[in-house]
Protein backbone atom coordinates (compact mmCIF):
# COMPACT_ATOMS: atom_id res chain seq x y z
CA MET A 1 20.04 12.52 18.93
CA PRO A 2 19.58 12.35 15.17
CA SER A 3 16.51 14.29 14.07
CA LYS A 4 13.52 11.99 13.83
CA ARG A 5 12.99 13.41 10.39
CA THR A 6 16.51 13.04 8.99
CA ALA A 7 17.11 9.66 10.63
CA ARG A 8 14.34 8.15 8.56
CA THR A 9 14.51 10.03 5.27
CA GLY A 10 13.39 7.81 2.47
CA ALA A 11 12.50 4.92 4.78
CA LEU A 12 9.14 3.44 5.54
CA THR A 13 8.29 1.64 8.70
CA VAL A 14 9.25 -1.84 7.67
CA ALA A 15 11.67 -2.66 4.87
CA ALA A 16 10.94 -5.45 2.47
CA VAL A 17 12.24 -8.96 2.48
CA CYS A 18 14.73 -9.54 -0.31
CA SER A 19 12.16 -11.05 -2.65
CA THR A 20 10.38 -9.69 -5.68
CA VAL A 21 8.16 -12.68 -6.33
CA SER A 22 4.50 -11.67 -6.21
CA ALA A 23 1.89 -13.83 -4.57
CA VAL A 24 -0.17 -16.19 -6.67
CA VAL A 25 -3.82 -16.39 -5.59
CA LEU A 26 -5.82 -19.52 -6.42
CA THR A 27 -9.49 -20.14 -5.87
CA THR A 28 -9.47 -23.94 -5.82
CA PRO A 29 -9.83 -25.78 -2.50
CA ALA A 30 -6.61 -26.37 -0.63
CA HIS A 31 -5.41 -29.64 0.78
CA ALA A 32 -6.07 -30.24 4.42
CA ASP A 33 -3.25 -28.68 6.34
CA THR A 34 -1.26 -30.36 9.08
CA LEU A 35 0.96 -27.43 10.00
CA HIS A 36 -0.49 -24.63 12.13
CA ILE A 37 0.70 -21.05 12.42
CA ARG A 38 1.62 -21.71 16.05
CA ASP A 39 3.94 -24.48 14.89
CA ILE A 40 5.70 -22.03 12.60
CA GLN A 41 5.97 -19.37 15.31
CA GLY A 42 7.21 -21.79 17.97
CA THR A 43 7.97 -20.92 21.58
CA THR A 44 11.02 -18.71 20.94
CA ARG A 45 11.53 -15.60 18.84
CA THR A 46 12.69 -17.54 15.80
CA SER A 47 10.78 -20.17 13.89
CA PRO A 48 11.84 -23.82 14.01
CA TYR A 49 10.83 -23.85 10.31
CA ALA A 50 13.00 -20.90 9.25
CA GLY A 51 14.39 -21.52 5.78
CA GLN A 52 11.97 -24.35 5.09
CA ALA A 53 9.05 -24.63 2.71
CA VAL A 54 5.60 -24.99 4.24
CA THR A 55 2.36 -26.05 2.60
CA ASP A 56 -1.29 -25.15 3.11
CA VAL A 57 -0.95 -23.06 6.28
CA ALA A 58 -4.51 -22.02 7.15
CA GLY A 59 -5.82 -18.81 8.65
CA ILE A 60 -8.21 -15.87 8.46
CA VAL A 61 -6.91 -12.62 6.98
CA THR A 62 -6.88 -10.00 9.76
CA GLY A 63 -5.11 -7.13 8.02
CA VAL A 64 -3.82 -6.11 4.59
CA ARG A 65 -0.92 -3.73 3.96
CA THR A 66 -1.09 -2.25 0.46
CA TYR A 67 1.56 0.45 0.80
CA GLY A 68 5.30 0.78 1.26
CA SER A 69 8.03 -1.76 0.68
CA SER A 70 6.54 -4.43 2.91
CA ARG A 71 3.25 -5.21 1.23
CA GLY A 72 1.48 -8.26 2.46
CA PHE A 73 -1.18 -9.47 4.85
CA TRP A 74 -1.61 -11.11 8.23
CA ILE A 75 -3.40 -14.37 8.87
CA GLN A 76 -4.51 -15.86 12.17
CA ASP A 77 -5.69 -19.31 13.19
CA PRO A 78 -9.26 -18.99 14.52
CA ASN A 79 -8.73 -22.11 16.67
CA PRO A 80 -5.88 -21.32 19.07
CA ASP A 81 -4.12 -23.75 21.35
CA ASP A 82 -3.67 -23.20 25.08
CA ASP A 83 0.03 -22.33 24.98
CA PRO A 84 0.47 -18.57 25.72
CA ALA A 85 4.00 -18.63 24.27
CA THR A 86 2.95 -19.50 20.71
CA SER A 87 1.51 -16.81 18.48
CA GLU A 88 -1.48 -17.71 16.33
CA GLY A 89 -0.72 -15.02 13.71
CA VAL A 90 1.89 -14.53 11.00
CA PHE A 91 2.70 -12.02 8.27
CA VAL A 92 2.65 -13.12 4.63
CA PHE A 93 4.98 -11.01 2.48
CA THR A 94 3.72 -10.57 -1.09
CA SER A 95 5.91 -7.67 -2.35
CA SER A 96 3.01 -6.51 -4.57
CA VAL A 97 -0.43 -5.36 -3.45
CA PRO A 98 -2.13 -8.42 -1.92
CA LYS A 99 -5.21 -9.84 -3.63
CA VAL A 100 -6.96 -10.89 -0.45
CA ALA A 101 -9.34 -9.10 1.90
CA VAL A 102 -9.91 -9.03 5.64
CA GLY A 103 -12.16 -11.95 6.51
CA ASP A 104 -10.90 -14.25 3.76
CA SER A 105 -10.20 -17.81 4.84
CA VAL A 106 -6.98 -18.81 3.10
CA THR A 107 -4.24 -21.36 2.93
CA VAL A 108 -0.70 -20.25 2.21
CA SER A 109 2.25 -22.22 0.88
CA GLY A 110 5.70 -20.66 0.77
CA SER A 111 9.01 -20.30 2.59
CA VAL A 112 9.40 -19.37 6.26
CA SER A 113 11.75 -16.45 6.76
CA GLU A 114 13.14 -14.58 9.76
CA TYR A 115 13.46 -10.99 8.57
CA VAL A 116 15.38 -8.43 10.66
CA PRO A 117 14.02 -4.92 10.04
CA GLY A 118 16.89 -2.59 9.26
CA GLY A 119 19.36 -5.43 8.89
CA ALA A 120 21.26 -7.67 11.27
CA THR A 121 23.69 -4.90 12.29
CA THR A 122 20.88 -3.03 14.03
CA GLY A 123 20.48 -5.78 16.62
CA ASN A 124 16.73 -5.74 16.07
CA GLN A 125 14.58 -8.76 16.65
CA SER A 126 13.31 -10.61 13.61
CA ILE A 127 9.82 -11.03 12.20
CA THR A 128 8.62 -14.50 11.30
CA GLU A 129 7.14 -14.32 7.79
CA ILE A 130 5.96 -16.57 5.00
CA THR A 131 7.56 -15.40 1.74
CA ARG A 132 7.14 -16.29 -1.94
CA PRO A 133 3.60 -17.31 -1.13
CA VAL A 134 1.01 -19.21 -3.13
CA VAL A 135 -2.34 -18.20 -1.65
CA THR A 136 -5.62 -20.06 -1.97
CA VAL A 137 -8.84 -18.28 -0.96
CA LEU A 138 -11.30 -20.80 0.50
CA SER A 139 -14.08 -18.39 1.44
CA SER A 140 -14.73 -14.74 2.18
CA GLY A 141 -16.62 -12.68 4.73
CA ASN A 142 -15.57 -14.76 7.70
CA ALA A 143 -15.42 -13.38 11.21
CA VAL A 144 -11.98 -12.14 12.14
CA PRO A 145 -10.50 -13.78 15.26
CA ALA A 146 -11.23 -11.66 18.30
CA ALA A 147 -8.51 -9.17 19.16
CA THR A 148 -6.41 -9.97 22.21
CA ALA A 149 -6.55 -7.10 24.70
CA VAL A 150 -3.28 -5.45 25.62
CA THR A 151 -3.93 -3.93 29.04
CA ALA A 152 -2.20 -2.76 32.19
CA ARG A 153 -2.98 -6.15 33.74
CA SER A 154 -1.84 -8.29 30.82
CA VAL A 155 1.53 -6.60 30.21
CA PRO A 156 4.10 -7.73 32.81
CA ALA A 157 5.99 -5.20 34.90
CA LEU A 158 9.39 -6.69 34.03
CA TYR A 159 10.62 -5.58 30.63
CA THR A 160 12.92 -8.32 29.36
CA PRO A 161 14.91 -11.37 30.34
CA ALA A 162 18.68 -11.07 30.29
CA GLY A 163 20.17 -12.27 27.04
CA ASP A 164 21.88 -15.63 26.73
CA ALA A 165 25.59 -15.11 27.42
CA ALA A 166 26.38 -18.06 25.18
CA ALA A 167 24.59 -16.28 22.30
CA ALA A 168 26.31 -12.89 22.67
CA GLY A 169 23.48 -11.65 24.86
CA SER A 170 20.67 -12.50 22.43
CA VAL A 171 17.23 -13.43 23.72
CA ASN A 172 16.26 -15.08 20.42
CA GLY A 173 16.78 -18.65 21.58
CA LEU A 174 15.14 -18.25 24.98
CA THR A 175 11.73 -19.81 25.56
CA LEU A 176 9.14 -17.04 25.78
CA ARG A 177 7.73 -16.28 29.22
CA PRO A 178 4.85 -13.94 28.32
CA LYS A 179 3.47 -13.77 31.84
CA LYS A 180 6.80 -12.56 33.27
CA TYR A 181 8.39 -10.25 30.67
CA ALA A 182 6.81 -7.52 28.56
CA LEU A 183 8.94 -8.17 25.48
CA ASP A 184 8.06 -11.85 25.67
CA PHE A 185 4.39 -10.94 26.01
CA TYR A 186 4.48 -8.80 22.87
CA GLU A 187 6.49 -11.41 20.97
CA SER A 188 3.94 -14.08 21.87
CA LEU A 189 1.36 -11.93 20.05
CA GLU A 190 3.49 -11.20 16.95
CA GLY A 191 1.24 -11.16 13.89
CA MET A 192 -1.96 -11.56 15.92
CA ASN A 193 -4.99 -9.29 16.06
CA VAL A 194 -4.66 -7.16 19.21
CA LYS A 195 -6.39 -4.15 20.70
CA VAL A 196 -5.95 -1.33 23.19
CA SER A 197 -8.77 0.66 24.75
CA ASP A 198 -8.92 4.29 25.89
CA ALA A 199 -5.16 4.63 25.54
CA ARG A 200 -3.33 7.85 26.42
CA VAL A 201 -0.92 9.29 23.86
CA VAL A 202 2.67 9.48 25.14
CA THR A 203 4.43 10.50 21.92
CA ALA A 204 2.74 12.89 19.52
CA THR A 205 1.92 12.08 15.91
CA ASP A 206 5.07 12.37 13.81
CA PRO A 207 5.64 13.04 10.09
CA TYR A 208 5.51 9.29 9.42
CA THR A 209 1.89 8.98 10.57
CA GLU A 210 2.52 7.17 13.79
CA LEU A 211 2.17 7.86 17.49
CA TRP A 212 2.74 6.07 20.79
CA VAL A 213 0.28 5.23 23.53
CA THR A 214 0.56 3.63 26.93
CA VAL A 215 -1.71 0.95 28.35
CA LYS A 216 -0.31 1.74 31.80
CA PRO A 217 -1.43 5.31 32.50
CA ARG A 218 0.24 5.43 35.93
CA GLU A 219 3.58 4.01 34.84
CA ASN A 220 6.18 6.72 35.55
CA ASP A 221 3.66 9.32 34.42
CA ASN A 222 4.24 13.05 34.44
CA ARG A 223 1.74 15.83 34.98
CA ARG A 224 1.47 16.56 31.23
CA GLY A 225 0.53 13.05 30.18
CA GLY A 226 3.86 11.54 29.21
CA THR A 227 5.81 8.55 30.50
CA VAL A 228 9.23 9.41 31.96
CA TYR A 229 12.34 7.35 31.22
CA GLY A 230 14.26 7.66 34.46
CA SER A 231 16.83 4.85 34.32
CA TYR A 232 18.19 2.14 32.05
CA THR A 233 16.02 -0.40 33.90
CA SER A 234 12.86 1.68 33.74
CA GLN A 235 11.96 1.08 30.08
CA ASN A 236 8.19 1.55 30.58
CA THR A 237 6.49 -1.66 29.56
CA GLY A 238 3.13 -0.13 28.65
CA ARG A 239 4.39 1.80 25.61
CA LEU A 240 3.12 0.71 22.22
CA GLN A 241 3.50 2.29 18.79
CA ILE A 242 0.37 2.85 16.71
CA GLN A 243 0.26 2.98 12.91
CA SER A 244 -2.67 2.58 10.55
CA LEU A 245 -3.60 0.42 7.60
CA GLY A 246 -6.03 3.13 6.52
CA ALA A 247 -5.61 6.42 4.70
CA THR A 248 -2.92 8.78 5.96
CA ALA A 249 -5.43 11.63 5.95
CA ASP A 250 -7.54 9.78 8.51
CA PHE A 251 -4.73 9.43 11.04
CA PRO A 252 -5.18 11.78 14.02
CA ASP A 253 -2.90 14.71 14.79
CA ALA A 254 -2.36 13.90 18.45
CA ASN A 255 -0.37 15.53 21.23
CA VAL A 256 0.91 13.97 24.42
CA GLY A 257 -1.92 13.70 26.92
CA ASP A 258 -4.60 13.16 24.26
CA GLU A 259 -6.47 9.87 24.30
CA LEU A 260 -7.49 7.34 21.69
CA THR A 261 -10.90 6.57 23.10
CA GLY A 262 -12.72 3.34 22.43
CA THR A 263 -10.94 0.51 20.64
CA THR A 264 -7.83 0.64 18.50
CA ALA A 265 -7.24 -2.76 16.93
CA GLY A 266 -5.17 -4.51 14.29
CA PRO A 267 -2.24 -6.88 13.76
CA LEU A 268 0.82 -6.61 15.98
CA ASP A 269 3.89 -5.92 13.84
CA TYR A 270 7.56 -5.23 14.63
CA ASN A 271 9.62 -2.58 12.86
CA GLN A 272 13.03 -0.96 12.96
CA PHE A 273 11.74 2.35 14.30
CA GLY A 274 10.36 1.31 17.64
CA GLY A 275 9.79 -2.41 17.73
CA TYR A 276 6.32 -3.76 18.47
CA THR A 277 3.64 -1.80 16.64
CA LEU A 278 -0.12 -2.11 16.49
CA VAL A 279 -0.94 -1.58 12.81
CA ALA A 280 -4.55 -0.51 13.15
CA ASN A 281 -7.44 -1.29 10.89
CA GLN A 282 -9.65 0.25 13.57
CA LEU A 283 -8.61 3.53 15.20
CA GLY A 284 -10.12 4.93 18.35
CA ALA A 285 -11.51 8.46 18.35
CA LEU A 286 -9.09 11.19 19.39
CA GLU A 287 -10.05 13.08 22.53
CA ALA A 288 -7.90 16.16 23.07
CA GLY A 289 -6.20 16.53 26.41
CA GLY A 290 -5.79 20.29 26.07
CA LEU A 291 -2.01 20.35 26.44
CA GLU A 292 -0.57 23.86 26.14
CA ARG A 293 2.95 25.06 25.49
CA GLU A 294 4.75 26.24 28.60
CA THR A 295 6.08 29.70 29.37
CA THR A 296 8.88 30.26 31.84
CA ARG A 297 8.93 33.28 34.12
CA LYS A 298 10.90 36.41 33.29
CA GLN A 299 14.22 36.77 35.08
CA SER A 300 14.46 39.54 37.66
CA ARG A 301 16.82 42.48 37.30
CA THR A 302 19.48 40.75 39.40
CA GLU A 303 19.08 37.29 37.87
CA LEU A 304 21.06 36.06 34.88
CA ALA A 305 18.99 33.83 32.59
CA VAL A 306 21.02 31.34 30.55
CA ALA A 307 19.27 29.00 28.11
CA THR A 308 19.98 26.27 25.59
CA TYR A 309 17.86 25.49 22.54
CA ASN A 310 18.42 23.02 19.70
CA VAL A 311 16.74 24.66 16.69
CA GLU A 312 17.04 21.54 14.49
CA ASN A 313 19.09 22.32 11.40
CA LEU A 314 18.03 25.95 11.04
CA ASP A 315 19.13 27.56 7.76
CA PRO A 316 17.98 30.69 5.86
CA GLY A 317 15.62 28.72 3.65
CA ASP A 318 13.50 27.46 6.56
CA SER A 319 10.03 28.79 7.29
CA SER A 320 10.32 28.46 11.07
CA PHE A 321 12.19 31.67 11.96
CA ALA A 322 9.13 33.54 13.17
CA ALA A 323 8.01 30.56 15.25
CA HIS A 324 11.46 30.15 16.83
CA ALA A 325 11.60 33.87 17.52
CA SER A 326 8.18 33.80 19.17
CA ALA A 327 9.26 30.88 21.33
CA ILE A 328 12.43 32.70 22.42
CA VAL A 329 10.60 35.93 23.21
CA ASN A 330 7.32 34.68 24.59
CA ASN A 331 8.01 31.21 26.01
CA LEU A 332 11.63 31.65 27.11
CA ARG A 333 11.06 35.31 28.00
CA SER A 334 14.17 36.54 26.18
CA PRO A 335 17.01 34.94 28.15
CA ASP A 336 20.17 37.01 28.64
CA ILE A 337 22.43 34.34 27.11
CA LEU A 338 21.14 31.72 24.70
CA SER A 339 23.17 28.81 23.39
CA LEU A 340 21.78 27.61 20.07
CA GLU A 341 22.58 24.19 18.65
CA GLU A 342 22.21 23.07 15.02
CA ILE A 343 22.60 26.47 13.38
CA GLN A 344 23.46 25.64 9.77
CA ASP A 345 25.56 27.64 7.35
CA ASN A 346 24.16 30.25 4.99
CA ASN A 347 22.93 27.80 2.35
CA GLY A 348 21.98 24.87 4.54
CA ALA A 349 22.40 21.43 3.06
CA THR A 350 23.91 22.73 -0.20
CA ASN A 351 27.33 21.12 -0.06
CA ASP A 352 29.53 23.71 -1.76
CA GLY A 353 32.13 24.57 0.89
CA THR A 354 30.16 27.39 2.54
CA VAL A 355 30.79 27.50 6.29
CA ALA A 356 29.70 31.02 7.34
CA ALA A 357 26.38 31.24 9.19
CA ASP A 358 26.02 35.01 9.60
CA GLU A 359 22.92 35.13 7.38
CA THR A 360 21.24 32.36 9.37
CA VAL A 361 21.96 34.08 12.67
CA ARG A 362 21.00 37.54 11.44
CA LYS A 363 17.68 36.27 10.11
CA LEU A 364 16.87 34.79 13.51
CA ILE A 365 17.90 37.93 15.40
CA ASP A 366 15.78 40.08 13.09
CA ALA A 367 12.83 37.78 13.68
CA ILE A 368 13.34 38.06 17.45
CA VAL A 369 13.28 41.84 17.22
CA ALA A 370 10.12 41.66 15.10
CA ALA A 371 8.55 39.49 17.81
CA GLY A 372 9.24 42.15 20.41
CA GLY A 373 12.49 40.77 21.79
CA PRO A 374 15.92 42.30 22.30
CA ALA A 375 18.41 43.08 19.55
CA TYR A 376 20.72 40.22 20.44
CA ASP A 377 24.42 40.29 19.63
CA TRP A 378 26.12 37.00 18.85
CA ARG A 379 29.37 35.08 18.82
CA SER A 380 30.39 31.82 17.19
CA ILE A 381 33.24 30.13 15.33
CA ASP A 382 32.78 28.72 11.85
CA PRO A 383 33.76 25.04 11.63
CA GLN A 384 35.98 23.59 8.97
CA ASP A 385 33.86 22.34 6.09
CA GLY A 386 32.39 18.90 6.58
CA THR A 387 34.19 18.09 9.83
CA ASP A 388 31.53 18.52 12.51
CA GLY A 389 28.87 16.01 11.50
CA GLY A 390 25.17 16.62 11.11
CA GLU A 391 23.33 16.96 7.82
CA PRO A 392 25.84 16.83 4.93
CA GLY A 393 26.62 20.33 3.70
CA GLY A 394 24.94 22.00 6.68
CA ASN A 395 28.01 22.53 8.88
CA ILE A 396 25.98 22.78 12.09
CA ARG A 397 27.54 24.66 14.99
CA GLN A 398 26.72 26.26 18.34
CA VAL A 399 26.06 30.00 18.53
CA PHE A 400 25.85 32.35 21.50
CA LEU A 401 23.12 34.99 21.43
CA PHE A 402 23.33 37.57 24.20
CA ASP A 403 21.43 40.70 25.14
CA PRO A 404 23.97 43.55 25.15
CA GLU A 405 21.66 45.63 27.34
CA ARG A 406 22.04 43.05 30.09
CA VAL A 407 25.40 41.31 29.59
CA SER A 408 28.68 42.00 27.86
CA PHE A 409 30.93 39.61 26.01
CA THR A 410 34.67 39.63 26.66
CA ASP A 411 36.32 39.35 23.26
CA ARG A 412 39.81 37.95 23.05
CA ALA A 413 41.15 37.49 19.55
CA GLY A 414 42.62 34.33 18.12
CA GLY A 415 39.77 31.86 18.31
CA ASP A 416 39.20 29.80 15.17
CA ALA A 417 38.18 26.29 14.13
CA THR A 418 41.48 24.67 15.10
CA THR A 419 42.86 26.82 17.94
CA ALA A 420 42.26 25.46 21.44
CA VAL A 421 41.02 27.85 24.09
CA GLY A 422 43.13 27.87 27.23
CA VAL A 423 42.84 29.25 30.75
CA THR A 424 45.03 31.89 32.31
CA ARG A 425 44.85 34.18 35.33
CA GLN A 426 44.25 37.91 35.17
CA HIS A 427 44.15 39.99 38.34
CA GLY A 428 43.95 36.81 40.37
CA LYS A 429 40.95 35.38 38.51
CA ALA A 430 40.40 32.91 35.70
CA ALA A 431 40.29 34.18 32.13
CA LEU A 432 40.10 32.53 28.72
CA THR A 433 43.05 32.86 26.36
CA VAL A 434 40.69 33.34 23.42
CA SER A 435 37.00 34.24 23.58
CA PRO A 436 35.09 32.85 21.85
CA GLY A 437 37.20 29.71 21.56
CA ARG A 438 36.83 26.01 20.96
CA VAL A 439 37.63 23.41 23.59
CA ASP A 440 40.42 21.00 22.59
CA PRO A 441 39.34 20.87 18.90
CA ALA A 442 42.19 18.56 17.86
CA ASN A 443 41.08 15.88 20.32
CA SER A 444 39.86 12.76 18.48
CA ALA A 445 36.81 12.85 20.75
CA TRP A 446 35.38 15.49 18.40
CA THR A 447 35.87 13.56 15.15
CA THR A 448 32.84 14.26 12.95
CA SER A 449 31.23 16.04 15.89
CA ARG A 450 30.68 19.54 17.12
CA LYS A 451 33.50 21.12 19.10
CA PRO A 452 32.45 22.95 22.30
CA LEU A 453 32.26 26.73 22.12
CA ALA A 454 33.55 28.62 25.16
CA GLY A 455 32.87 32.27 25.89
CA GLU A 456 33.50 34.74 28.68
CA PHE A 457 30.59 36.98 29.72
CA VAL A 458 30.17 39.70 32.34
CA PHE A 459 26.90 40.29 34.22
CA ARG A 460 26.69 43.05 36.83
CA GLY A 461 30.50 43.03 37.16
CA ARG A 462 30.75 39.26 37.62
CA THR A 463 32.45 37.01 35.05
CA VAL A 464 30.51 33.95 33.90
CA PHE A 465 32.09 31.28 31.70
CA VAL A 466 29.69 29.55 29.33
CA ILE A 467 30.51 26.41 27.33
CA ALA A 468 28.05 25.47 24.56
CA ASN A 469 27.99 21.80 23.57
CA HIS A 470 26.42 19.45 21.07
CA PHE A 471 27.73 15.97 21.80
CA ALA A 472 27.73 13.01 19.42
CA SER A 473 24.34 11.50 18.67
CA LYS A 474 22.98 8.14 19.76
CA GLY A 475 23.04 6.86 16.20
CA GLY A 476 24.06 3.20 16.04
CA ASP A 477 22.83 2.25 19.49
CA GLN A 478 20.68 -0.85 19.77
CA GLY A 479 17.04 -0.10 20.62
CA LEU A 480 15.20 -1.00 23.80
CA THR A 481 13.44 -3.80 21.90
CA SER A 482 16.70 -5.23 20.57
CA GLN A 483 17.31 -8.97 20.53
CA TYR A 484 20.38 -8.19 22.65
CA GLN A 485 19.53 -7.52 26.27
CA PRO A 486 20.74 -5.30 27.69
CA PRO A 487 21.15 -3.36 24.43
CA VAL A 488 24.60 -2.18 23.41
CA ARG A 489 24.97 1.63 23.54
CA SER A 490 27.98 1.89 21.24
CA SER A 491 27.66 5.65 20.73
CA GLU A 492 28.48 6.24 24.41
CA THR A 493 32.16 5.67 23.75
CA GLN A 494 32.56 8.97 21.91
CA ARG A 495 30.35 10.95 24.29
CA HIS A 496 32.37 9.66 27.24
CA LEU A 497 35.54 10.99 25.64
CA GLN A 498 33.79 14.29 24.94
CA ALA A 499 32.54 14.57 28.51
CA THR A 500 36.03 13.91 29.83
CA ALA A 501 37.47 16.65 27.61
CA VAL A 502 34.90 19.21 28.77
CA ASN A 503 35.29 18.20 32.41
CA THR A 504 39.06 18.61 32.10
CA PHE A 505 38.63 22.10 30.69
CA VAL A 506 36.22 23.11 33.45
CA LYS A 507 38.71 21.85 36.03
CA GLU A 508 41.33 24.13 34.46
CA ILE A 509 39.03 27.10 35.03
CA LEU A 510 38.33 26.05 38.61
CA ALA A 511 42.05 25.49 39.26
CA ALA A 512 42.64 29.10 38.25
CA GLN A 513 39.67 30.37 40.28
CA LYS A 514 37.97 28.01 42.71
CA ASN A 515 34.75 30.02 42.89
CA ALA A 516 34.42 30.69 39.15
CA ASP A 517 30.90 30.63 37.75
CA VAL A 518 30.86 28.07 34.93
CA VAL A 519 27.81 27.03 32.94
CA THR A 520 28.16 24.04 30.60
CA LEU A 521 25.07 23.50 28.52
CA GLY A 522 23.61 22.20 25.29
CA ASP A 523 22.41 19.08 23.57
CA ILE A 524 24.40 16.51 25.50
CA ASN A 525 22.57 13.68 23.71
CA ASP A 526 22.50 11.67 26.89
CA PHE A 527 20.47 11.17 30.02
CA GLU A 528 20.95 12.86 33.38
CA PHE A 529 21.67 9.41 34.89
CA SER A 530 24.09 8.36 32.13
CA GLY A 531 27.78 7.66 32.28
CA THR A 532 28.27 10.72 30.06
CA THR A 533 26.74 12.98 32.69
CA LYS A 534 28.72 11.32 35.46
CA LEU A 535 31.94 12.05 33.56
CA LEU A 536 30.93 15.67 33.06
CA GLU A 537 30.31 15.87 36.81
CA ASP A 538 33.56 14.10 37.72
CA ASP A 539 35.15 15.28 40.99
CA GLY A 540 32.29 17.72 41.53
CA ALA A 541 33.45 20.09 38.79
CA LEU A 542 29.90 20.29 37.44
CA TRP A 543 26.40 19.24 38.40
CA SER A 544 23.44 18.71 36.10
CA ALA A 545 20.87 21.24 37.28
CA ILE A 546 17.92 19.39 35.75
CA LYS A 547 18.31 17.09 38.74
CA SER A 548 16.96 19.92 40.89
CA LEU A 549 13.55 19.14 39.37
CA PRO A 550 11.30 16.31 40.59
CA LYS A 551 12.04 13.09 38.71
CA SER A 552 8.68 13.26 36.94
CA GLU A 553 9.63 16.62 35.40
CA ARG A 554 13.04 15.65 34.07
CA TYR A 555 12.65 15.46 30.31
CA THR A 556 13.55 17.53 27.25
CA TYR A 557 12.78 15.11 24.41
CA ASP A 558 10.13 12.51 23.62
CA TYR A 559 11.27 9.35 21.85
CA GLN A 560 9.29 6.17 21.23
CA GLY A 561 6.92 6.83 24.09
CA ASN A 562 9.60 7.80 26.60
CA SER A 563 9.96 11.37 27.85
CA GLN A 564 13.69 11.69 28.49
CA VAL A 565 16.60 14.05 29.03
CA LEU A 566 19.01 14.90 26.20
CA ASP A 567 19.50 18.64 26.79
CA GLN A 568 21.21 19.74 29.98
CA ILE A 569 22.62 22.72 31.83
CA LEU A 570 25.43 21.84 34.21
CA VAL A 571 26.81 24.30 36.76
CA SER A 572 30.00 24.71 38.76
CA PRO A 573 30.02 24.39 42.56
CA SER A 574 29.78 28.14 43.14
CA ILE A 575 26.46 28.34 41.30
CA ARG A 576 25.07 25.22 42.92
CA ARG A 577 26.09 26.17 46.46
CA ASP A 578 26.28 29.92 46.62
CA HIS A 579 23.70 31.27 44.22
CA ASP A 580 19.96 31.09 44.35
CA PHE A 581 19.34 29.22 41.08
CA GLU A 582 16.17 28.00 39.41
CA TYR A 583 15.87 25.52 36.55
CA ASP A 584 13.07 25.16 34.02
CA SER A 585 12.59 22.65 31.20
CA VAL A 586 10.21 24.60 28.99
CA HIS A 587 7.98 22.14 27.13
CA ILE A 588 7.10 23.78 23.83
CA ASN A 589 8.09 21.17 21.24
CA SER A 590 8.67 17.57 22.20
CA GLU A 591 5.07 16.79 23.19
CA PHE A 592 3.37 18.38 20.18
CA HIS A 593 2.65 17.08 16.68
CA ASP A 594 3.29 20.55 15.18
CA GLN A 595 6.70 21.03 16.76
CA ILE A 596 9.29 23.38 15.25
CA SER A 597 12.12 21.39 16.83
CA ASP A 598 12.22 17.99 18.48
CA HIS A 599 13.93 19.42 21.59
CA ASP A 600 12.57 21.48 24.45
CA PRO A 601 14.69 24.48 25.50
CA GLN A 602 16.15 24.70 29.00
CA VAL A 603 16.53 27.80 31.16
CA LEU A 604 18.68 28.45 34.23
CA ARG A 605 18.24 31.58 36.34
CA PHE A 606 20.75 32.50 39.04
CA LYS A 607 22.32 35.49 40.76
CA PRO A 608 26.09 35.68 40.10
């Protein structure tokens, strides 16, 4: 998954409509209007007046956005009709700071626009707006229309209708059915004043001053307060993003399991980073849930502990080394073998051809020692410059750390960025031709993506093959709130090819030694129920060990209110059948606002 930070660098929540014309505010009485907001909104997702000029549309100002690239305000008709499919609110885009206040009674003349946040290629739904407005203030200090409650009872259990096959799967032209589908329910409230009450936080506050709550506290809940995404048809209808129209400093630093007590109210917006969003002019009080970071148990003398941890673009200039080291030593209890993803080169994002990462790795190892952990040794292969994706200039790669007091690494020379590791037999058992080595690096499956790193380890006389992975991200996929239903997951194509390549390599090991112990792990960037995982598991060569946990505990990442699996450890049949293994997803990051990575590390303990 792209980092939530890097994926949104330089972007605000909603981009502006392509207009630079500021609003004109008049104070003379407006003509009696004949067109209501509900007429503009219509009974589908797009306005029947899109592209047309409208005159003297009346409403009460319910919210004013003075920041970012989408300045404007929301108005709502205080006299609604009885059609639940037609919204009574609409956003007025001004481009400059609006000259109206909440409670103003206004009329607006302008052009009706359907704006797609992020652009049409994202597949997002559109927002109905009035642009190039001329605004007349009739009076001030009026009561704001009462907020519509968004509750467990009002939000339908079904998420979305199927898209119209004649419209390439779009739901835009379908008549809204707000009592049957959650997305239709939210769309029927677009631009209106809404509220949630005593809502539990299901995604922590992020650097963009937003969080997610659920209005359905029992919907696929886990013991730590989150909402688990367990299948493509289990989207979790109660999730709702919360932003604020107030000062950034006043926004709460919330963790998963905390609660916004009382009422949180404001206009319902739609943006490119999560869809429907309550933009609050009234925030509930934060009540801490007391969530604590987890600690796994220490492996026994006869157990091998293998872990994976995405350290999110770690380079020598970062300030997080001590925190990562503490997590590895104290929360992961110093695993014997640790696969690290997103280790950057020695000068990070400086794009000058540097590919070596020895300074980055050494700084982390020194910090681990300072935290009371082992003096890890390490192995990796430098990528070719600019070929493995990630942050430009960073040259991210996977790195093995291992405790030489507990395990040994079998070095076989010849591994480099372009040489493919192979499998041979030595003394009747499988062996790698180079160690460390990269799996099939010339395969087009790895274009602009990290190549798997394979290594051969020995623990208590038993060989263990470990393959560290960081598959292609989900960038470019349509979101759950897309106008296309079901959404297109275009990024799967590359991950499926990658999974097939890794599965093929594992089968080569198992063909040489049927009972070989193989651990394939890393940031797979896909779910345990995904087609990617099924291809990794093809013919029983591997099995995703996170599936040994109860369904409510299967998550490593928290995204838009859904706790989900991206990081996995897969094991060969010998480990699954013949060894007493234990799996732990150690929740130290994804649920917390002060996370040092957006991924939770995973640990597997077994007895080779």
